[in-house]
Amino acid sequence: MITPLHDRDTLDAPGLERLIEHMLCGGVAGLFILGTTGEGPLLSYRVRRELVQRTCAQVKHRVPVLVCVTDTAYVESLAIAQHASECEADAIVAAPPYYLPLGQPELQTYYDRLATESPVPLFLYNFPALTKTRIEIETLRRALDHRRIVGIKDSSGDLNYFRSVRELMKTRSDWTLLCGPDELLAESIVAGGHGGVNGGANVFPSLYVACAKAALAGEMERARELQAKVLRVTTALYRVSNSAAAVTEGIKCALSLLGICDDAMTEPFRRLAGPQRQSIERALPSLQSLMGEHS
């Protein structure tokens, strides 16, 4: 889920309420907040806490809420985990600390300690392109021994790695394997995943839900058809800007044009304007028409 903002350090509270209901009405199986698309590491700790509190209070356990606690400081990650527990979130999610790259023994120690000290279960988050550290298979093998580590979100885009994780998970039937890139939603489920954590579901949640359900049911022709629509969404929304935050910028712009929430960004990024905003404005009607029952 994106984080609706009025400005760089103020939540768009009414927009957040509309966004949550929009996604829940679209049938999503859970909400993942403060992740990459949610600009989590760029937000002040005050805003992070407010987002967790407001989201959990509104959702009221209708679906699980997963709170990303990724930070360079261990104590801050743990503090957000404790706050998430107080707000009755269901789990936390943590990528490796991203300033000084960790060796695998250090990473294993980090996750063991966080899982032990966190009051709620922990999902691992593999995103080496941003953290500079990959969660290696042997580290995952050891993580399976910790009962409070309950799954992983893989945003590496490497399906061979994804399949290796799936093979490893045969020893833990209670683990959940989720894929990050929208473009791999159906294919990752066919490879043994359980679902996706996809930015485009902020805008068209029903489409992503239908695609995942088709893949999980083995309805491959239907899944391919829906995955093609997902690719239309990512092409139209994610590639308008050249910034590192292009995905979030595009999603927020679309949500703003649809009247769901404001599209302010955290510093140093900016909301789309001029020709970039016009590009998404032109694309939205055709995307909505393409979605049909999923719009």
C-alpha atoms as a PDB file:
ATOM      1  CA  MET A   1       0.000   0.000   0.000  1.00  0.00           C
ATOM      2  CA  ILE A   2       1.174   3.524  -0.765  1.00  0.00           C
ATOM      3  CA  THR A   3       1.228   6.076   2.050  1.00  0.00           C
ATOM      4  CA  PRO A   4      -1.191   8.926   1.215  1.00  0.00           C
ATOM      5  CA  LEU A   5       0.378  12.265   2.154  1.00  0.00           C
ATOM      6  CA  HIS A   6      -0.724  15.898   2.117  1.00  0.00           C
ATOM      7  CA  ASP A   7       2.888  17.047   2.241  1.00  0.00           C
ATOM      8  CA  ARG A   8       6.270  15.546   3.052  1.00  0.00           C
ATOM      9  CA  ASP A   9       5.411  14.909   6.727  1.00  0.00           C
ATOM     10  CA  THR A  10       1.601  14.877   7.013  1.00  0.00           C
ATOM     11  CA  LEU A  11      -0.706  11.952   6.347  1.00  0.00           C
ATOM     12  CA  ASP A  12      -3.709  12.431   4.093  1.00  0.00           C
ATOM     13  CA  ALA A  13      -6.047  10.822   6.636  1.00  0.00           C
ATOM     14  CA  PRO A  14      -9.293  10.999   4.591  1.00  0.00           C
ATOM     15  CA  GLY A  15      -7.410   9.704   1.547  1.00  0.00           C
ATOM     16  CA  LEU A  16      -5.987   6.852   3.615  1.00  0.00           C
ATOM     17  CA  GLU A  17      -9.510   5.864   4.697  1.00  0.00           C
ATOM     18  CA  ARG A  18     -10.747   5.868   1.097  1.00  0.00           C
ATOM     19  CA  LEU A  19      -7.714   3.922  -0.122  1.00  0.00           C
ATOM     20  CA  ILE A  20      -8.068   1.197   2.494  1.00  0.00           C
ATOM     21  CA  GLU A  21     -11.760   0.689   1.695  1.00  0.00           C
ATOM     22  CA  HIS A  22     -11.009   0.764  -2.045  1.00  0.00           C
ATOM     23  CA  MET A  23      -8.472  -2.048  -1.642  1.00  0.00           C
ATOM     24  CA  LEU A  24     -10.609  -4.091   0.740  1.00  0.00           C
ATOM     25  CA  CYS A  25     -13.620  -3.793  -1.559  1.00  0.00           C
ATOM     26  CA  GLY A  26     -11.347  -5.076  -4.311  1.00  0.00           C
ATOM     27  CA  GLY A  27     -10.852  -8.294  -2.357  1.00  0.00           C
ATOM     28  CA  VAL A  28      -7.203  -8.053  -1.277  1.00  0.00           C
ATOM     29  CA  ALA A  29      -6.103 -10.736   1.164  1.00  0.00           C
ATOM     30  CA  GLY A  30      -4.053  -8.361   3.315  1.00  0.00           C
ATOM     31  CA  LEU A  31      -2.381  -4.965   3.526  1.00  0.00           C
ATOM     32  CA  PHE A  32       1.397  -4.472   3.492  1.00  0.00           C
ATOM     33  CA  ILE A  33       2.274  -1.006   4.800  1.00  0.00           C
ATOM     34  CA  LEU A  34       5.511   1.011   5.058  1.00  0.00           C
ATOM     35  CA  GLY A  35       7.220  -1.027   2.348  1.00  0.00           C
ATOM     36  CA  THR A  36       9.104   0.289  -0.676  1.00  0.00           C
ATOM     37  CA  THR A  37       6.008   1.520  -2.512  1.00  0.00           C
ATOM     38  CA  GLY A  38       4.830   2.931   0.825  1.00  0.00           C
ATOM     39  CA  GLU A  39       8.023   5.033   1.125  1.00  0.00           C
ATOM     40  CA  GLY A  40       8.515   3.529   4.580  1.00  0.00           C
ATOM     41  CA  PRO A  41      12.231   4.249   5.151  1.00  0.00           C
ATOM     42  CA  LEU A  42      11.740   7.858   3.952  1.00  0.00           C
ATOM     43  CA  LEU A  43       8.982   8.723   6.435  1.00  0.00           C
ATOM     44  CA  SER A  44       9.470  10.233   9.875  1.00  0.00           C
ATOM     45  CA  TYR A  45       8.928   7.837  12.766  1.00  0.00           C
ATOM     46  CA  ARG A  46       5.941   9.920  13.842  1.00  0.00           C
ATOM     47  CA  VAL A  47       4.216   9.438  10.482  1.00  0.00           C
ATOM     48  CA  ARG A  48       5.091   5.737  10.429  1.00  0.00           C
ATOM     49  CA  ARG A  49       3.457   5.245  13.816  1.00  0.00           C
ATOM     50  CA  GLU A  50       0.399   7.238  12.812  1.00  0.00           C
ATOM     51  CA  LEU A  51      -0.008   5.196   9.635  1.00  0.00           C
ATOM     52  CA  VAL A  52       0.192   1.924  11.556  1.00  0.00           C
ATOM     53  CA  GLN A  53      -2.324   3.109  14.146  1.00  0.00           C
ATOM     54  CA  ARG A  54      -4.841   4.469  11.623  1.00  0.00           C
ATOM     55  CA  THR A  55      -4.575   1.454   9.310  1.00  0.00           C
ATOM     56  CA  CYS A  56      -5.041  -1.143  12.028  1.00  0.00           C
ATOM     57  CA  ALA A  57      -7.906   0.813  13.623  1.00  0.00           C
ATOM     58  CA  GLN A  58      -9.768   1.010  10.319  1.00  0.00           C
ATOM     59  CA  VAL A  59      -9.106  -2.533   9.102  1.00  0.00           C
ATOM     60  CA  LYS A  60     -10.259  -4.071  12.408  1.00  0.00           C
ATOM     61  CA  HIS A  61      -8.881  -7.498  11.516  1.00  0.00           C
ATOM     62  CA  ARG A  62     -10.890  -7.806   8.309  1.00  0.00           C
ATOM     63  CA  VAL A  63      -7.598  -8.832   6.674  1.00  0.00           C
ATOM     64  CA  PRO A  64      -4.084  -9.252   8.073  1.00  0.00           C
ATOM     65  CA  VAL A  65      -1.960  -6.092   8.309  1.00  0.00           C
ATOM     66  CA  LEU A  66       1.782  -6.530   7.750  1.00  0.00           C
ATOM     67  CA  VAL A  67       4.010  -3.658   8.882  1.00  0.00           C
ATOM     68  CA  CYS A  68       7.420  -3.158   7.321  1.00  0.00           C
ATOM     69  CA  VAL A  69       9.981  -2.172   9.980  1.00  0.00           C
ATOM     70  CA  THR A  70      13.062  -1.957   7.758  1.00  0.00           C
ATOM     71  CA  ASP A  71      15.562   0.552   9.151  1.00  0.00           C
ATOM     72  CA  THR A  72      19.290   1.097   9.519  1.00  0.00           C
ATOM     73  CA  ALA A  73      18.909   1.104  13.324  1.00  0.00           C
ATOM     74  CA  TYR A  74      17.906  -2.149  14.985  1.00  0.00           C
ATOM     75  CA  VAL A  75      16.303  -0.399  17.966  1.00  0.00           C
ATOM     76  CA  GLU A  76      14.046   1.622  15.647  1.00  0.00           C
ATOM     77  CA  SER A  77      12.915  -1.511  13.828  1.00  0.00           C
ATOM     78  CA  LEU A  78      12.103  -3.110  17.164  1.00  0.00           C
ATOM     79  CA  ALA A  79      10.281   0.015  18.339  1.00  0.00           C
ATOM     80  CA  ILE A  80       8.022  -0.006  15.283  1.00  0.00           C
ATOM     81  CA  ALA A  81       7.451  -3.742  15.817  1.00  0.00           C
ATOM     82  CA  GLN A  82       6.345  -3.069  19.381  1.00  0.00           C
ATOM     83  CA  HIS A  83       4.045  -0.260  18.201  1.00  0.00           C
ATOM     84  CA  ALA A  84       2.613  -2.554  15.516  1.00  0.00           C
ATOM     85  CA  SER A  85       1.826  -5.128  18.184  1.00  0.00           C
ATOM     86  CA  GLU A  86       0.101  -2.519  20.363  1.00  0.00           C
ATOM     87  CA  CYS A  87      -2.025  -1.560  17.336  1.00  0.00           C
ATOM     88  CA  GLU A  88      -2.844  -5.271  16.807  1.00  0.00           C
ATOM     89  CA  ALA A  89      -1.046  -5.682  13.482  1.00  0.00           C
ATOM     90  CA  ASP A  90      -0.569  -9.299  12.479  1.00  0.00           C
ATOM     91  CA  ALA A  91       3.118  -9.407  11.544  1.00  0.00           C
ATOM     92  CA  ILE A  92       6.175  -7.325  10.770  1.00  0.00           C
ATOM     93  CA  VAL A  93       8.350  -7.443   7.662  1.00  0.00           C
ATOM     94  CA  ALA A  94      12.059  -6.592   7.615  1.00  0.00           C
ATOM     95  CA  ALA A  95      14.602  -6.264   4.833  1.00  0.00           C
ATOM     96  CA  PRO A  96      18.293  -6.295   5.752  1.00  0.00           C
ATOM     97  CA  PRO A  97      19.589  -2.979   7.146  1.00  0.00           C
ATOM     98  CA  TYR A  98      20.627  -1.063   4.046  1.00  0.00           C
ATOM     99  CA  TYR A  99      23.518   1.305   4.817  1.00  0.00           C
ATOM    100  CA  LEU A 100      26.408  -0.960   5.752  1.00  0.00           C
ATOM    101  CA  PRO A 101      26.063  -4.281   3.877  1.00  0.00           C
ATOM    102  CA  LEU A 102      25.850  -7.277   6.199  1.00  0.00           C
ATOM    103  CA  GLY A 103      27.601 -10.584   5.850  1.00  0.00           C
ATOM    104  CA  GLN A 104      25.329 -13.636   6.014  1.00  0.00           C
ATOM    105  CA  PRO A 105      26.342 -14.608   9.594  1.00  0.00           C
ATOM    106  CA  GLU A 106      25.532 -11.047  10.741  1.00  0.00           C
ATOM    107  CA  LEU A 107      22.247 -11.145   8.846  1.00  0.00           C
ATOM    108  CA  GLN A 108      21.296 -14.448  10.461  1.00  0.00           C
ATOM    109  CA  THR A 109      22.017 -13.006  13.899  1.00  0.00           C
ATOM    110  CA  TYR A 110      20.024  -9.880  13.056  1.00  0.00           C
ATOM    111  CA  TYR A 111      16.932 -11.848  12.034  1.00  0.00           C
ATOM    112  CA  ASP A 112      17.192 -14.294  14.935  1.00  0.00           C
ATOM    113  CA  ARG A 113      17.318 -11.428  17.417  1.00  0.00           C
ATOM    114  CA  LEU A 114      14.509  -9.463  15.763  1.00  0.00           C
ATOM    115  CA  ALA A 115      12.239 -12.508  15.555  1.00  0.00           C
ATOM    116  CA  THR A 116      12.907 -13.333  19.208  1.00  0.00           C
ATOM    117  CA  GLU A 117      12.373  -9.800  20.515  1.00  0.00           C
ATOM    118  CA  SER A 118       9.451  -8.810  18.284  1.00  0.00           C
ATOM    119  CA  PRO A 119       6.045  -9.337  19.914  1.00  0.00           C
ATOM    120  CA  VAL A 120       4.542 -10.342  16.546  1.00  0.00           C
ATOM    121  CA  PRO A 121       5.764 -12.834  13.892  1.00  0.00           C
ATOM    122  CA  LEU A 122       8.354 -11.816  11.309  1.00  0.00           C
ATOM    123  CA  PHE A 123       8.413 -11.999   7.514  1.00  0.00           C
ATOM    124  CA  LEU A 124      11.785 -11.659   5.795  1.00  0.00           C
ATOM    125  CA  TYR A 125      12.063  -9.239   2.866  1.00  0.00           C
ATOM    126  CA  ASN A 126      14.570  -9.950   0.098  1.00  0.00           C
ATOM    127  CA  PHE A 127      15.274  -6.879  -2.044  1.00  0.00           C
ATOM    128  CA  PRO A 128      19.013  -6.847  -2.836  1.00  0.00           C
ATOM    129  CA  ALA A 129      18.718  -4.085  -5.458  1.00  0.00           C
ATOM    130  CA  LEU A 130      17.920  -1.611  -2.664  1.00  0.00           C
ATOM    131  CA  THR A 131      19.568  -3.128   0.411  1.00  0.00           C
ATOM    132  CA  LYS A 132      22.852  -4.326  -1.180  1.00  0.00           C
ATOM    133  CA  THR A 133      22.415  -7.590   0.754  1.00  0.00           C
ATOM    134  CA  ARG A 134      20.737 -10.730  -0.550  1.00  0.00           C
ATOM    135  CA  ILE A 135      19.209 -13.212   1.859  1.00  0.00           C
ATOM    136  CA  GLU A 136      21.101 -16.290   0.716  1.00  0.00           C
ATOM    137  CA  ILE A 137      19.484 -19.716   0.622  1.00  0.00           C
ATOM    138  CA  GLU A 138      21.628 -21.067   3.458  1.00  0.00           C
ATOM    139  CA  THR A 139      20.580 -18.126   5.635  1.00  0.00           C
ATOM    140  CA  LEU A 140      16.960 -18.921   4.821  1.00  0.00           C
ATOM    141  CA  ARG A 141      17.549 -22.559   5.669  1.00  0.00           C
ATOM    142  CA  ARG A 142      18.638 -21.527   9.153  1.00  0.00           C
ATOM    143  CA  ALA A 143      15.778 -19.040   9.465  1.00  0.00           C
ATOM    144  CA  LEU A 144      13.315 -21.900   8.976  1.00  0.00           C
ATOM    145  CA  ASP A 145      14.380 -23.188  12.395  1.00  0.00           C
ATOM    146  CA  HIS A 146      12.989 -20.085  14.105  1.00  0.00           C
ATOM    147  CA  ARG A 147       9.282 -20.643  14.657  1.00  0.00           C
ATOM    148  CA  ARG A 148       8.481 -16.911  14.784  1.00  0.00           C
ATOM    149  CA  ILE A 149       9.868 -16.339  11.291  1.00  0.00           C
ATOM    150  CA  VAL A 150       6.822 -17.205   9.198  1.00  0.00           C
ATOM    151  CA  GLY A 151       7.555 -16.294   5.584  1.00  0.00           C
ATOM    152  CA  ILE A 152       9.327 -14.147   3.033  1.00  0.00           C
ATOM    153  CA  LYS A 153       8.523 -11.493   0.475  1.00  0.00           C
ATOM    154  CA  ASP A 154      10.930 -11.799  -2.454  1.00  0.00           C
ATOM    155  CA  SER A 155      11.331  -8.701  -4.602  1.00  0.00           C
ATOM    156  CA  SER A 156      14.529  -9.832  -6.317  1.00  0.00           C
ATOM    157  CA  GLY A 157      12.756 -10.646  -9.594  1.00  0.00           C
ATOM    158  CA  ASP A 158      14.872 -13.824  -9.776  1.00  0.00           C
ATOM    159  CA  LEU A 159      12.532 -16.759 -10.368  1.00  0.00           C
ATOM    160  CA  ASN A 160      15.346 -19.291  -9.955  1.00  0.00           C
ATOM    161  CA  TYR A 161      15.926 -17.919  -6.449  1.00  0.00           C
ATOM    162  CA  PHE A 162      12.161 -17.952  -5.880  1.00  0.00           C
ATOM    163  CA  ARG A 163      11.944 -21.617  -6.861  1.00  0.00           C
ATOM    164  CA  SER A 164      14.861 -22.457  -4.569  1.00  0.00           C
ATOM    165  CA  VAL A 165      13.036 -20.802  -1.688  1.00  0.00           C
ATOM    166  CA  ARG A 166       9.890 -22.775  -2.521  1.00  0.00           C
ATOM    167  CA  GLU A 167      11.858 -26.028  -2.498  1.00  0.00           C
ATOM    168  CA  LEU A 168      13.395 -25.114   0.842  1.00  0.00           C
ATOM    169  CA  MET A 169       9.986 -24.403   2.359  1.00  0.00           C
ATOM    170  CA  LYS A 170       8.897 -28.034   2.112  1.00  0.00           C
ATOM    171  CA  THR A 171      10.147 -28.391   5.675  1.00  0.00           C
ATOM    172  CA  ARG A 172       7.809 -25.628   6.915  1.00  0.00           C
ATOM    173  CA  SER A 173       4.233 -25.953   5.690  1.00  0.00           C
ATOM    174  CA  ASP A 174       3.253 -22.869   7.688  1.00  0.00           C
ATOM    175  CA  TRP A 175       5.586 -20.522   5.751  1.00  0.00           C
ATOM    176  CA  THR A 176       4.157 -17.974   3.321  1.00  0.00           C
ATOM    177  CA  LEU A 177       6.021 -17.115   0.100  1.00  0.00           C
ATOM    178  CA  LEU A 178       5.081 -13.824  -1.580  1.00  0.00           C
ATOM    179  CA  CYS A 179       6.429 -12.195  -4.746  1.00  0.00           C
ATOM    180  CA  GLY A 180       7.069  -8.468  -5.175  1.00  0.00           C
ATOM    181  CA  PRO A 181       7.234  -7.543  -8.883  1.00  0.00           C
ATOM    182  CA  ASP A 182       3.768  -7.110 -10.417  1.00  0.00           C
ATOM    183  CA  GLU A 183       5.038  -8.519 -13.703  1.00  0.00           C
ATOM    184  CA  LEU A 184       5.743 -11.912 -12.065  1.00  0.00           C
ATOM    185  CA  LEU A 185       2.487 -12.339 -10.140  1.00  0.00           C
ATOM    186  CA  ALA A 186       0.998 -15.258 -12.089  1.00  0.00           C
ATOM    187  CA  GLU A 187       4.334 -16.878 -12.919  1.00  0.00           C
ATOM    188  CA  SER A 188       5.509 -16.778  -9.303  1.00  0.00           C
ATOM    189  CA  ILE A 189       2.318 -18.495  -8.141  1.00  0.00           C
ATOM    190  CA  VAL A 190       2.784 -21.195 -10.766  1.00  0.00           C
ATOM    191  CA  ALA A 191       6.315 -21.593  -9.361  1.00  0.00           C
ATOM    192  CA  GLY A 192       4.816 -22.357  -5.952  1.00  0.00           C
ATOM    193  CA  GLY A 193       4.240 -18.946  -4.390  1.00  0.00           C
ATOM    194  CA  HIS A 194       1.173 -18.036  -2.386  1.00  0.00           C
ATOM    195  CA  GLY A 195       0.507 -14.563  -3.785  1.00  0.00           C
ATOM    196  CA  GLY A 196       1.902 -11.150  -4.562  1.00  0.00           C
ATOM    197  CA  VAL A 197       2.582  -7.868  -2.808  1.00  0.00           C
ATOM    198  CA  ASN A 198       1.859  -5.655  -5.804  1.00  0.00           C
ATOM    199  CA  GLY A 199       1.779  -1.879  -6.064  1.00  0.00           C
ATOM    200  CA  GLY A 200      -0.767  -1.835  -8.866  1.00  0.00           C
ATOM    201  CA  ALA A 201      -3.340  -3.316  -6.499  1.00  0.00           C
ATOM    202  CA  ASN A 202      -3.601   0.136  -4.937  1.00  0.00           C
ATOM    203  CA  VAL A 203      -5.329   1.243  -8.145  1.00  0.00           C
ATOM    204  CA  PHE A 204      -6.938  -1.918  -9.550  1.00  0.00           C
ATOM    205  CA  PRO A 205      -7.162  -4.370  -6.619  1.00  0.00           C
ATOM    206  CA  SER A 206      -9.820  -6.592  -8.210  1.00  0.00           C
ATOM    207  CA  LEU A 207      -7.616  -7.246 -11.228  1.00  0.00           C
ATOM    208  CA  TYR A 208      -4.690  -8.442  -9.135  1.00  0.00           C
ATOM    209  CA  VAL A 209      -6.931 -10.547  -6.918  1.00  0.00           C
ATOM    210  CA  ALA A 210      -8.509 -12.205  -9.967  1.00  0.00           C
ATOM    211  CA  CYS A 211      -5.095 -12.879 -11.518  1.00  0.00           C
ATOM    212  CA  ALA A 212      -3.764 -14.464  -8.338  1.00  0.00           C
ATOM    213  CA  LYS A 213      -6.889 -16.578  -7.845  1.00  0.00           C
ATOM    214  CA  ALA A 214      -6.765 -17.839 -11.435  1.00  0.00           C
ATOM    215  CA  ALA A 215      -3.118 -18.846 -11.066  1.00  0.00           C
ATOM    216  CA  LEU A 216      -3.760 -20.523  -7.704  1.00  0.00           C
ATOM    217  CA  ALA A 217      -6.665 -22.466  -9.255  1.00  0.00           C
ATOM    218  CA  GLY A 218      -4.521 -23.603 -12.191  1.00  0.00           C
ATOM    219  CA  GLU A 219      -6.676 -21.692 -14.682  1.00  0.00           C
ATOM    220  CA  MET A 220      -3.689 -20.771 -16.800  1.00  0.00           C
ATOM    221  CA  GLU A 221      -5.422 -19.293 -19.829  1.00  0.00           C
ATOM    222  CA  ARG A 222      -7.382 -16.984 -17.546  1.00  0.00           C
ATOM    223  CA  ALA A 223      -4.260 -16.167 -15.528  1.00  0.00           C
ATOM    224  CA  ARG A 224      -2.307 -15.265 -18.681  1.00  0.00           C
ATOM    225  CA  GLU A 225      -5.135 -13.022 -19.860  1.00  0.00           C
ATOM    226  CA  LEU A 226      -5.228 -11.185 -16.538  1.00  0.00           C
ATOM    227  CA  GLN A 227      -1.439 -10.998 -16.278  1.00  0.00           C
ATOM    228  CA  ALA A 228      -1.434  -9.262 -19.672  1.00  0.00           C
ATOM    229  CA  LYS A 229      -3.753  -6.639 -18.186  1.00  0.00           C
ATOM    230  CA  VAL A 230      -1.406  -6.252 -15.220  1.00  0.00           C
ATOM    231  CA  LEU A 231       1.416  -5.548 -17.671  1.00  0.00           C
ATOM    232  CA  ARG A 232      -0.716  -2.855 -19.286  1.00  0.00           C
ATOM    233  CA  VAL A 233      -1.076  -1.234 -15.873  1.00  0.00           C
ATOM    234  CA  THR A 234       2.639  -1.342 -15.090  1.00  0.00           C
ATOM    235  CA  THR A 235       3.566   0.000 -18.519  1.00  0.00           C
ATOM    236  CA  ALA A 236       1.157   2.921 -18.217  1.00  0.00           C
ATOM    237  CA  LEU A 237       1.889   3.861 -14.598  1.00  0.00           C
ATOM    238  CA  TYR A 238       5.418   2.784 -13.703  1.00  0.00           C
ATOM    239  CA  ARG A 239       7.472   4.094 -16.615  1.00  0.00           C
ATOM    240  CA  VAL A 240       6.378   7.718 -16.885  1.00  0.00           C
ATOM    241  CA  SER A 241       9.116   9.024 -14.598  1.00  0.00           C
ATOM    242  CA  ASN A 242      12.840   8.240 -14.582  1.00  0.00           C
ATOM    243  CA  SER A 243      13.225   8.692 -10.826  1.00  0.00           C
ATOM    244  CA  ALA A 244      14.015   5.900  -8.373  1.00  0.00           C
ATOM    245  CA  ALA A 245      10.491   6.358  -6.997  1.00  0.00           C
ATOM    246  CA  ALA A 246       8.778   6.101 -10.400  1.00  0.00           C
ATOM    247  CA  VAL A 247       6.477   3.261  -9.331  1.00  0.00           C
ATOM    248  CA  THR A 248       5.158   5.129  -6.300  1.00  0.00           C
ATOM    249  CA  GLU A 249       4.895   8.392  -8.254  1.00  0.00           C
ATOM    250  CA  GLY A 250       2.811   6.718 -10.956  1.00  0.00           C
ATOM    251  CA  ILE A 251       0.514   4.927  -8.505  1.00  0.00           C
ATOM    252  CA  LYS A 252      -0.056   8.062  -6.441  1.00  0.00           C
ATOM    253  CA  CYS A 253      -0.755  10.115  -9.561  1.00  0.00           C
ATOM    254  CA  ALA A 254      -3.378   7.609 -10.717  1.00  0.00           C
ATOM    255  CA  LEU A 255      -5.029   7.491  -7.287  1.00  0.00           C
ATOM    256  CA  SER A 256      -5.126  11.286  -7.195  1.00  0.00           C
ATOM    257  CA  LEU A 257      -6.753  11.458 -10.629  1.00  0.00           C
ATOM    258  CA  LEU A 258      -9.323   8.908  -9.464  1.00  0.00           C
ATOM    259  CA  GLY A 259     -10.137  11.071  -6.439  1.00  0.00           C
ATOM    260  CA  ILE A 260      -8.994   8.511  -3.875  1.00  0.00           C
ATOM    261  CA  CYS A 261      -6.094  10.304  -2.171  1.00  0.00           C
ATOM    262  CA  ASP A 262      -3.511  13.063  -2.498  1.00  0.00           C
ATOM    263  CA  ASP A 263      -0.331  12.339  -4.442  1.00  0.00           C
ATOM    264  CA  ALA A 264       2.274  14.200  -2.355  1.00  0.00           C
ATOM    265  CA  MET A 265       5.642  12.441  -2.086  1.00  0.00           C
ATOM    266  CA  THR A 266       8.318  12.313   0.592  1.00  0.00           C
ATOM    267  CA  GLU A 267      11.468  14.346   0.084  1.00  0.00           C
ATOM    268  CA  PRO A 268      13.359  14.520  -2.204  1.00  0.00           C
ATOM    269  CA  PHE A 269      10.756  13.162  -4.635  1.00  0.00           C
ATOM    270  CA  ARG A 270       7.918  15.147  -6.193  1.00  0.00           C
ATOM    271  CA  ARG A 271       4.402  14.403  -7.401  1.00  0.00           C
ATOM    272  CA  LEU A 272       4.082  14.045 -11.160  1.00  0.00           C
ATOM    273  CA  ALA A 273       3.092  17.183 -13.048  1.00  0.00           C
ATOM    274  CA  GLY A 274       2.913  18.538 -16.577  1.00  0.00           C
ATOM    275  CA  PRO A 275       3.352  16.019 -19.415  1.00  0.00           C
ATOM    276  CA  GLN A 276       4.003  13.140 -16.991  1.00  0.00           C
ATOM    277  CA  ARG A 277       0.707  13.642 -15.182  1.00  0.00           C
ATOM    278  CA  GLN A 278      -1.080  14.167 -18.476  1.00  0.00           C
ATOM    279  CA  SER A 279       0.304  10.858 -19.739  1.00  0.00           C
ATOM    280  CA  ILE A 280      -1.318   8.973 -16.868  1.00  0.00           C
ATOM    281  CA  GLU A 281      -4.504  10.998 -17.174  1.00  0.00           C
ATOM    282  CA  ARG A 282      -4.761   9.935 -20.828  1.00  0.00           C
ATOM    283  CA  ALA A 283      -4.032   6.298 -19.980  1.00  0.00           C
ATOM    284  CA  LEU A 284      -6.549   5.869 -17.159  1.00  0.00           C
ATOM    285  CA  PRO A 285      -9.781   5.751 -19.223  1.00  0.00           C
ATOM    286  CA  SER A 286      -8.418   3.028 -21.502  1.00  0.00           C
ATOM    287  CA  LEU A 287      -7.113   1.089 -18.480  1.00  0.00           C
ATOM    288  CA  GLN A 288     -10.476   1.310 -16.766  1.00  0.00           C
ATOM    289  CA  SER A 289     -12.196   0.161 -19.942  1.00  0.00           C
ATOM    290  CA  LEU A 290      -9.699  -2.697 -20.282  1.00  0.00           C
ATOM    291  CA  MET A 291     -10.380  -3.813 -16.716  1.00  0.00           C
ATOM    292  CA  GLY A 292     -14.102  -4.279 -17.360  1.00  0.00           C
ATOM    293  CA  GLU A 293     -15.435  -5.966 -14.248  1.00  0.00           C
ATOM    294  CA  HIS A 294     -12.101  -5.330 -12.516  1.00  0.00           C
ATOM    295  CA  SER A 295     -12.206  -1.517 -12.741  1.00  0.00           C
END
